[in-house]
Amino acid sequence: MDISRKLGILVFFGVPAIVGGGIVYGFAGSYMPVAIYEVALYLVAGAIVSR
């Protein structure tokens, strides 16, 4: 996998991190679930990019 594809995957996961973080905060009203959501999202993105 070339570098441009890896960067594209990270951007693809970056947008849901921003938008989804706001949605999770809206439902939960706290930053802890947002942190858990974002860590899980970045772990999945890291696993995909590292392949």
PDB file of N, CA and C in Angstrom:
ATOM      1  N   MET A   1       0.852  -1.160   0.000  1.00  0.00           N
ATOM      2  CA  MET A   1       0.000   0.000   0.000  1.00  0.00           C
ATOM      3  C   MET A   1       0.910   1.239   0.000  1.00  0.00           C
ATOM      4  N   ASP A   2       0.699   2.130  -0.943  1.00  0.00           N
ATOM      5  CA  ASP A   2       1.546   3.316  -1.042  1.00  0.00           C
ATOM      6  C   ASP A   2       1.113   4.393  -0.042  1.00  0.00           C
ATOM      7  N   ILE A   3       1.958   5.405   0.090  1.00  0.00           N
ATOM      8  CA  ILE A   3       1.756   6.420   1.116  1.00  0.00           C
ATOM      9  C   ILE A   3       0.495   7.249   0.881  1.00  0.00           C
ATOM     10  N   SER A   4       0.162   7.507  -0.376  1.00  0.00           N
ATOM     11  CA  SER A   4      -1.036   8.316  -0.637  1.00  0.00           C
ATOM     12  C   SER A   4      -2.303   7.569  -0.234  1.00  0.00           C
ATOM     13  N   ARG A   5      -2.304   6.259  -0.417  1.00  0.00           N
ATOM     14  CA  ARG A   5      -3.474   5.485  -0.001  1.00  0.00           C
ATOM     15  C   ARG A   5      -3.586   5.441   1.524  1.00  0.00           C
ATOM     16  N   LYS A   6      -2.462   5.321   2.212  1.00  0.00           N
ATOM     17  CA  LYS A   6      -2.476   5.335   3.681  1.00  0.00           C
ATOM     18  C   LYS A   6      -2.978   6.668   4.216  1.00  0.00           C
ATOM     19  N   LEU A   7      -2.527   7.761   3.623  1.00  0.00           N
ATOM     20  CA  LEU A   7      -2.997   9.076   4.058  1.00  0.00           C
ATOM     21  C   LEU A   7      -4.482   9.256   3.763  1.00  0.00           C
ATOM     22  N   GLY A   8      -4.940   8.721   2.646  1.00  0.00           N
ATOM     23  CA  GLY A   8      -6.363   8.788   2.319  1.00  0.00           C
ATOM     24  C   GLY A   8      -7.207   8.043   3.332  1.00  0.00           C
ATOM     25  N   ILE A   9      -6.733   6.891   3.780  1.00  0.00           N
ATOM     26  CA  ILE A   9      -7.461   6.125   4.795  1.00  0.00           C
ATOM     27  C   ILE A   9      -7.516   6.897   6.106  1.00  0.00           C
ATOM     28  N   LEU A  10      -6.423   7.551   6.476  1.00  0.00           N
ATOM     29  CA  LEU A  10      -6.420   8.328   7.716  1.00  0.00           C
ATOM     30  C   LEU A  10      -7.369   9.518   7.623  1.00  0.00           C
ATOM     31  N   VAL A  11      -7.449  10.159   6.458  1.00  0.00           N
ATOM     32  CA  VAL A  11      -8.404  11.254   6.284  1.00  0.00           C
ATOM     33  C   VAL A  11      -9.825  10.718   6.341  1.00  0.00           C
ATOM     34  N   PHE A  12     -10.033   9.548   5.726  1.00  0.00           N
ATOM     35  CA  PHE A  12     -11.347   8.919   5.725  1.00  0.00           C
ATOM     36  C   PHE A  12     -11.823   8.624   7.143  1.00  0.00           C
ATOM     37  N   PHE A  13     -10.903   8.272   8.041  1.00  0.00           N
ATOM     38  CA  PHE A  13     -11.262   8.026   9.436  1.00  0.00           C
ATOM     39  C   PHE A  13     -11.230   9.304  10.268  1.00  0.00           C
ATOM     40  N   GLY A  14     -10.575  10.351   9.794  1.00  0.00           N
ATOM     41  CA  GLY A  14     -10.510  11.605  10.543  1.00  0.00           C
ATOM     42  C   GLY A  14     -11.826  12.355  10.549  1.00  0.00           C
ATOM     43  N   VAL A  15     -12.530  12.320   9.435  1.00  0.00           N
ATOM     44  CA  VAL A  15     -13.815  13.022   9.356  1.00  0.00           C
ATOM     45  C   VAL A  15     -14.836  12.410  10.310  1.00  0.00           C
ATOM     46  N   PRO A  16     -15.010  11.082  10.348  1.00  0.00           N
ATOM     47  CA  PRO A  16     -15.942  10.524  11.342  1.00  0.00           C
ATOM     48  C   PRO A  16     -15.501  10.770  12.790  1.00  0.00           C
ATOM     49  N   ALA A  17     -14.205  10.937  13.006  1.00  0.00           N
ATOM     50  CA  ALA A  17     -13.747  11.227  14.362  1.00  0.00           C
ATOM     51  C   ALA A  17     -14.246  12.590  14.805  1.00  0.00           C
ATOM     52  N   ILE A  18     -14.240  13.563  13.910  1.00  0.00           N
ATOM     53  CA  ILE A  18     -14.692  14.911  14.269  1.00  0.00           C
ATOM     54  C   ILE A  18     -16.217  14.955  14.386  1.00  0.00           C
ATOM     55  N   VAL A  19     -16.886  14.485  13.356  1.00  0.00           N
ATOM     56  CA  VAL A  19     -18.350  14.536  13.346  1.00  0.00           C
ATOM     57  C   VAL A  19     -18.933  13.579  14.386  1.00  0.00           C
ATOM     58  N   GLY A  20     -18.420  12.369  14.416  1.00  0.00           N
ATOM     59  CA  GLY A  20     -18.917  11.375  15.367  1.00  0.00           C
ATOM     60  C   GLY A  20     -18.631  11.749  16.809  1.00  0.00           C
ATOM     61  N   GLY A  21     -17.515  12.427  17.036  1.00  0.00           N
ATOM     62  CA  GLY A  21     -17.218  12.895  18.390  1.00  0.00           C
ATOM     63  C   GLY A  21     -18.269  13.867  18.886  1.00  0.00           C
ATOM     64  N   GLY A  22     -18.724  14.735  18.012  1.00  0.00           N
ATOM     65  CA  GLY A  22     -19.789  15.661  18.379  1.00  0.00           C
ATOM     66  C   GLY A  22     -21.105  14.962  18.642  1.00  0.00           C
ATOM     67  N   ILE A  23     -21.393  13.959  17.836  1.00  0.00           N
ATOM     68  CA  ILE A  23     -22.631  13.196  18.031  1.00  0.00           C
ATOM     69  C   ILE A  23     -22.589  12.422  19.341  1.00  0.00           C
ATOM     70  N   VAL A  24     -21.454  11.786  19.615  1.00  0.00           N
ATOM     71  CA  VAL A  24     -21.323  11.030  20.870  1.00  0.00           C
ATOM     72  C   VAL A  24     -21.432  11.973  22.061  1.00  0.00           C
ATOM     73  N   TYR A  25     -20.818  13.156  21.964  1.00  0.00           N
ATOM     74  CA  TYR A  25     -20.928  14.118  23.058  1.00  0.00           C
ATOM     75  C   TYR A  25     -22.372  14.592  23.223  1.00  0.00           C
ATOM     76  N   GLY A  26     -23.074  14.755  22.131  1.00  0.00           N
ATOM     77  CA  GLY A  26     -24.474  15.171  22.209  1.00  0.00           C
ATOM     78  C   GLY A  26     -25.341  14.147  22.919  1.00  0.00           C
ATOM     79  N   PHE A  27     -25.080  12.867  22.684  1.00  0.00           N
ATOM     80  CA  PHE A  27     -25.861  11.818  23.336  1.00  0.00           C
ATOM     81  C   PHE A  27     -25.434  11.618  24.787  1.00  0.00           C
ATOM     82  N   ALA A  28     -24.117  11.610  25.029  1.00  0.00           N
ATOM     83  CA  ALA A  28     -23.622  11.271  26.359  1.00  0.00           C
ATOM     84  C   ALA A  28     -23.501  12.491  27.276  1.00  0.00           C
ATOM     85  N   GLY A  29     -23.164  13.646  26.722  1.00  0.00           N
ATOM     86  CA  GLY A  29     -22.998  14.835  27.540  1.00  0.00           C
ATOM     87  C   GLY A  29     -21.714  14.855  28.337  1.00  0.00           C
ATOM     88  N   SER A  30     -20.750  14.037  27.949  1.00  0.00           N
ATOM     89  CA  SER A  30     -19.488  13.958  28.663  1.00  0.00           C
ATOM     90  C   SER A  30     -18.373  13.672  27.661  1.00  0.00           C
ATOM     91  N   TYR A  31     -17.157  14.027  28.035  1.00  0.00           N
ATOM     92  CA  TYR A  31     -16.042  13.807  27.123  1.00  0.00           C
ATOM     93  C   TYR A  31     -15.431  12.405  27.220  1.00  0.00           C
ATOM     94  N   MET A  32     -15.705  11.668  28.264  1.00  0.00           N
ATOM     95  CA  MET A  32     -15.131  10.324  28.391  1.00  0.00           C
ATOM     96  C   MET A  32     -15.614   9.378  27.284  1.00  0.00           C
ATOM     97  N   PRO A  33     -16.907   9.301  26.980  1.00  0.00           N
ATOM     98  CA  PRO A  33     -17.325   8.454  25.849  1.00  0.00           C
ATOM     99  C   PRO A  33     -16.749   8.920  24.516  1.00  0.00           C
ATOM    100  N   VAL A  34     -16.537  10.226  24.373  1.00  0.00           N
ATOM    101  CA  VAL A  34     -15.923  10.745  23.142  1.00  0.00           C
ATOM    102  C   VAL A  34     -14.492  10.235  23.027  1.00  0.00           C
ATOM    103  N   ALA A  35     -13.760  10.255  24.128  1.00  0.00           N
ATOM    104  CA  ALA A  35     -12.381   9.768  24.119  1.00  0.00           C
ATOM    105  C   ALA A  35     -12.335   8.286  23.786  1.00  0.00           C
ATOM    106  N   ILE A  36     -13.237   7.509  24.354  1.00  0.00           N
ATOM    107  CA  ILE A  36     -13.283   6.075  24.075  1.00  0.00           C
ATOM    108  C   ILE A  36     -13.614   5.827  22.612  1.00  0.00           C
ATOM    109  N   TYR A  37     -14.583   6.573  22.070  1.00  0.00           N
ATOM    110  CA  TYR A  37     -14.962   6.444  20.666  1.00  0.00           C
ATOM    111  C   TYR A  37     -13.786   6.772  19.748  1.00  0.00           C
ATOM    112  N   GLU A  38     -13.082   7.847  20.046  1.00  0.00           N
ATOM    113  CA  GLU A  38     -11.988   8.259  19.181  1.00  0.00           C
ATOM    114  C   GLU A  38     -10.802   7.310  19.274  1.00  0.00           C
ATOM    115  N   VAL A  39     -10.492   6.802  20.451  1.00  0.00           N
ATOM    116  CA  VAL A  39      -9.406   5.829  20.582  1.00  0.00           C
ATOM    117  C   VAL A  39      -9.748   4.565  19.803  1.00  0.00           C
ATOM    118  N   ALA A  40     -10.981   4.090  19.909  1.00  0.00           N
ATOM    119  CA  ALA A  40     -11.386   2.898  19.159  1.00  0.00           C
ATOM    120  C   ALA A  40     -11.307   3.140  17.662  1.00  0.00           C
ATOM    121  N   LEU A  41     -11.727   4.310  17.215  1.00  0.00           N
ATOM    122  CA  LEU A  41     -11.685   4.640  15.799  1.00  0.00           C
ATOM    123  C   LEU A  41     -10.244   4.699  15.295  1.00  0.00           C
ATOM    124  N   TYR A  42      -9.357   5.310  16.056  1.00  0.00           N
ATOM    125  CA  TYR A  42      -7.962   5.402  15.636  1.00  0.00           C
ATOM    126  C   TYR A  42      -7.249   4.060  15.711  1.00  0.00           C
ATOM    127  N   LEU A  43      -7.652   3.175  16.606  1.00  0.00           N
ATOM    128  CA  LEU A  43      -7.074   1.832  16.623  1.00  0.00           C
ATOM    129  C   LEU A  43      -7.458   1.061  15.364  1.00  0.00           C
ATOM    130  N   VAL A  44      -8.698   1.190  14.946  1.00  0.00           N
ATOM    131  CA  VAL A  44      -9.132   0.530  13.712  1.00  0.00           C
ATOM    132  C   VAL A  44      -8.400   1.111  12.516  1.00  0.00           C
ATOM    133  N   ALA A  45      -8.283   2.433  12.462  1.00  0.00           N
ATOM    134  CA  ALA A  45      -7.568   3.075  11.359  1.00  0.00           C
ATOM    135  C   ALA A  45      -6.097   2.658  11.343  1.00  0.00           C
ATOM    136  N   GLY A  46      -5.495   2.590  12.504  1.00  0.00           N
ATOM    137  CA  GLY A  46      -4.085   2.166  12.596  1.00  0.00           C
ATOM    138  C   GLY A  46      -3.896   0.727  12.163  1.00  0.00           C
ATOM    139  N   ALA A  47      -4.850  -0.121  12.492  1.00  0.00           N
ATOM    140  CA  ALA A  47      -4.755  -1.528  12.074  1.00  0.00           C
ATOM    141  C   ALA A  47      -4.887  -1.652  10.565  1.00  0.00           C
ATOM    142  N   ILE A  48      -5.738  -0.852   9.962  1.00  0.00           N
ATOM    143  CA  ILE A  48      -5.896  -0.903   8.512  1.00  0.00           C
ATOM    144  C   ILE A  48      -4.674  -0.354   7.810  1.00  0.00           C
ATOM    145  N   VAL A  49      -4.132   0.750   8.310  1.00  0.00           N
ATOM    146  CA  VAL A  49      -2.972   1.373   7.673  1.00  0.00           C
ATOM    147  C   VAL A  49      -1.725   0.513   7.843  1.00  0.00           C
ATOM    148  N   SER A  50      -1.596  -0.168   8.959  1.00  0.00           N
ATOM    149  CA  SER A  50      -0.388  -0.950   9.214  1.00  0.00           C
ATOM    150  C   SER A  50      -0.298  -2.232   8.394  1.00  0.00           C
ATOM    151  N   ARG A  51      -1.403  -2.618   7.761  1.00  0.00           N
ATOM    152  CA  ARG A  51      -1.351  -3.851   6.962  1.00  0.00           C
ATOM    153  C   ARG A  51      -0.509  -3.682   5.754  1.00  0.00           C
TER     154      ARG A  51
END
